[in-house]
Amino acid sequence: MAVCILYRRKRERRPRYYRVEIAYNLFNEISVMREWGITGGKGRAMVNIYGNLRDASDAADIFRNRAMKRGYARNDRAVIPA
């Protein structure tokens, strides 16, 4: 449905990523999936379920804003981490 990918590259050798996605799951519930980690490494993931799209969108905005306060930024030219 909607995906936002943020990257952070400070003094670290490998850049970090933070991904937030809003999507329907198999049970027709709206979920917000968050993934984060070091590019090329094993990342972490967390899924939260919400009752409606508005609540899910508000939660995704909160997660995205928290990541941006920690130094993550959008990079439209970057490759999506696998």
C-alpha atoms as a PDB file:
ATOM      1  CA  MET A   1       0.000   0.000   0.000  1.00  0.00           C
ATOM      2  CA  ALA A   2       2.342   2.760   1.226  1.00  0.00           C
ATOM      3  CA  VAL A   3       6.081   2.469   1.857  1.00  0.00           C
ATOM      4  CA  CYS A   4       8.584   4.950   3.284  1.00  0.00           C
ATOM      5  CA  ILE A   5      12.292   4.083   3.322  1.00  0.00           C
ATOM      6  CA  LEU A   6      14.768   6.200   5.267  1.00  0.00           C
ATOM      7  CA  TYR A   7      18.575   5.970   5.326  1.00  0.00           C
ATOM      8  CA  ARG A   8      21.246   7.190   7.724  1.00  0.00           C
ATOM      9  CA  ARG A   9      24.909   7.484   6.845  1.00  0.00           C
ATOM     10  CA  LYS A  10      27.041   9.190   9.442  1.00  0.00           C
ATOM     11  CA  ARG A  11      30.521   8.032  10.373  1.00  0.00           C
ATOM     12  CA  GLU A  12      29.628   4.390  10.065  1.00  0.00           C
ATOM     13  CA  ARG A  13      31.135   2.311   7.306  1.00  0.00           C
ATOM     14  CA  ARG A  14      27.824   0.763   6.307  1.00  0.00           C
ATOM     15  CA  PRO A  15      24.649   2.815   6.030  1.00  0.00           C
ATOM     16  CA  ARG A  16      21.578   2.020   8.096  1.00  0.00           C
ATOM     17  CA  TYR A  17      17.970   1.857   6.897  1.00  0.00           C
ATOM     18  CA  TYR A  18      14.505   2.178   8.437  1.00  0.00           C
ATOM     19  CA  ARG A  19      11.453   1.052   6.458  1.00  0.00           C
ATOM     20  CA  VAL A  20       7.790   1.652   7.323  1.00  0.00           C
ATOM     21  CA  GLU A  21       5.013  -0.010   5.294  1.00  0.00           C
ATOM     22  CA  ILE A  22       1.224   0.084   5.613  1.00  0.00           C
ATOM     23  CA  ALA A  23      -0.547  -2.949   4.119  1.00  0.00           C
ATOM     24  CA  TYR A  24      -3.442  -5.353   4.535  1.00  0.00           C
ATOM     25  CA  ASN A  25      -2.556  -8.759   5.940  1.00  0.00           C
ATOM     26  CA  LEU A  26      -4.131 -12.136   5.102  1.00  0.00           C
ATOM     27  CA  PHE A  27      -6.931 -11.579   7.614  1.00  0.00           C
ATOM     28  CA  ASN A  28      -7.920  -8.262   5.977  1.00  0.00           C
ATOM     29  CA  GLU A  29      -6.532  -6.269   8.917  1.00  0.00           C
ATOM     30  CA  ILE A  30      -4.392  -3.186   8.411  1.00  0.00           C
ATOM     31  CA  SER A  31      -0.815  -3.643   9.562  1.00  0.00           C
ATOM     32  CA  VAL A  32       2.170  -1.338   9.902  1.00  0.00           C
ATOM     33  CA  MET A  33       5.414  -3.209   9.289  1.00  0.00           C
ATOM     34  CA  ARG A  34       8.707  -1.684  10.405  1.00  0.00           C
ATOM     35  CA  GLU A  35      12.119  -2.995   9.354  1.00  0.00           C
ATOM     36  CA  TRP A  36      15.493  -1.586  10.356  1.00  0.00           C
ATOM     37  CA  GLY A  37      19.140  -2.536  10.318  1.00  0.00           C
ATOM     38  CA  ILE A  38      22.462  -2.195   8.559  1.00  0.00           C
ATOM     39  CA  THR A  39      22.428  -2.424   4.775  1.00  0.00           C
ATOM     40  CA  GLY A  40      23.671  -5.861   3.769  1.00  0.00           C
ATOM     41  CA  GLY A  41      23.181  -7.270   7.259  1.00  0.00           C
ATOM     42  CA  LYS A  42      20.451  -9.093   9.098  1.00  0.00           C
ATOM     43  CA  GLY A  43      17.792  -6.570  10.029  1.00  0.00           C
ATOM     44  CA  ARG A  44      14.954  -6.587  12.509  1.00  0.00           C
ATOM     45  CA  ALA A  45      11.222  -6.328  11.897  1.00  0.00           C
ATOM     46  CA  MET A  46       8.080  -5.578  13.863  1.00  0.00           C
ATOM     47  CA  VAL A  47       4.408  -5.668  12.804  1.00  0.00           C
ATOM     48  CA  ASN A  48       1.584  -3.786  14.532  1.00  0.00           C
ATOM     49  CA  ILE A  49      -2.113  -4.367  13.714  1.00  0.00           C
ATOM     50  CA  TYR A  50      -4.647  -1.501  13.626  1.00  0.00           C
ATOM     51  CA  GLY A  51      -8.431  -1.395  13.341  1.00  0.00           C
ATOM     52  CA  ASN A  52      -8.642   1.223  10.600  1.00  0.00           C
ATOM     53  CA  LEU A  53      -6.487   2.951   8.016  1.00  0.00           C
ATOM     54  CA  ARG A  54      -6.462   6.294   9.833  1.00  0.00           C
ATOM     55  CA  ASP A  55      -4.954   4.787  13.001  1.00  0.00           C
ATOM     56  CA  ALA A  56      -2.391   2.859  10.946  1.00  0.00           C
ATOM     57  CA  SER A  57      -1.429   5.975   9.001  1.00  0.00           C
ATOM     58  CA  ASP A  58      -1.057   8.021  12.191  1.00  0.00           C
ATOM     59  CA  ALA A  59       1.142   5.316  13.736  1.00  0.00           C
ATOM     60  CA  ALA A  60       3.301   5.080  10.594  1.00  0.00           C
ATOM     61  CA  ASP A  61       3.785   8.859  10.663  1.00  0.00           C
ATOM     62  CA  ILE A  62       4.869   8.691  14.307  1.00  0.00           C
ATOM     63  CA  PHE A  63       7.380   5.902  13.563  1.00  0.00           C
ATOM     64  CA  ARG A  64       8.734   7.815  10.537  1.00  0.00           C
ATOM     65  CA  ASN A  65       9.077  11.069  12.481  1.00  0.00           C
ATOM     66  CA  ARG A  66      10.929   9.307  15.320  1.00  0.00           C
ATOM     67  CA  ALA A  67      13.400   7.841  12.834  1.00  0.00           C
ATOM     68  CA  MET A  68      13.930  11.220  11.176  1.00  0.00           C
ATOM     69  CA  LYS A  69      14.680  12.784  14.581  1.00  0.00           C
ATOM     70  CA  ARG A  70      17.411  10.150  15.008  1.00  0.00           C
ATOM     71  CA  GLY A  71      19.119  11.235  11.794  1.00  0.00           C
ATOM     72  CA  TYR A  72      17.405   9.126   9.124  1.00  0.00           C
ATOM     73  CA  ALA A  73      16.447  10.892   5.891  1.00  0.00           C
ATOM     74  CA  ARG A  74      14.784  10.042   2.599  1.00  0.00           C
ATOM     75  CA  ASN A  75      17.045   9.105  -0.299  1.00  0.00           C
ATOM     76  CA  ASP A  76      15.079   8.486  -3.494  1.00  0.00           C
ATOM     77  CA  ARG A  77      18.169   7.455  -5.470  1.00  0.00           C
ATOM     78  CA  ALA A  78      19.327   4.765  -3.054  1.00  0.00           C
ATOM     79  CA  VAL A  79      18.919   1.048  -3.638  1.00  0.00           C
ATOM     80  CA  ILE A  80      16.336  -0.734  -1.484  1.00  0.00           C
ATOM     81  CA  PRO A  81      18.156  -3.054   0.943  1.00  0.00           C
ATOM     82  CA  ALA A  82      17.526  -6.772   0.517  1.00  0.00           C
END
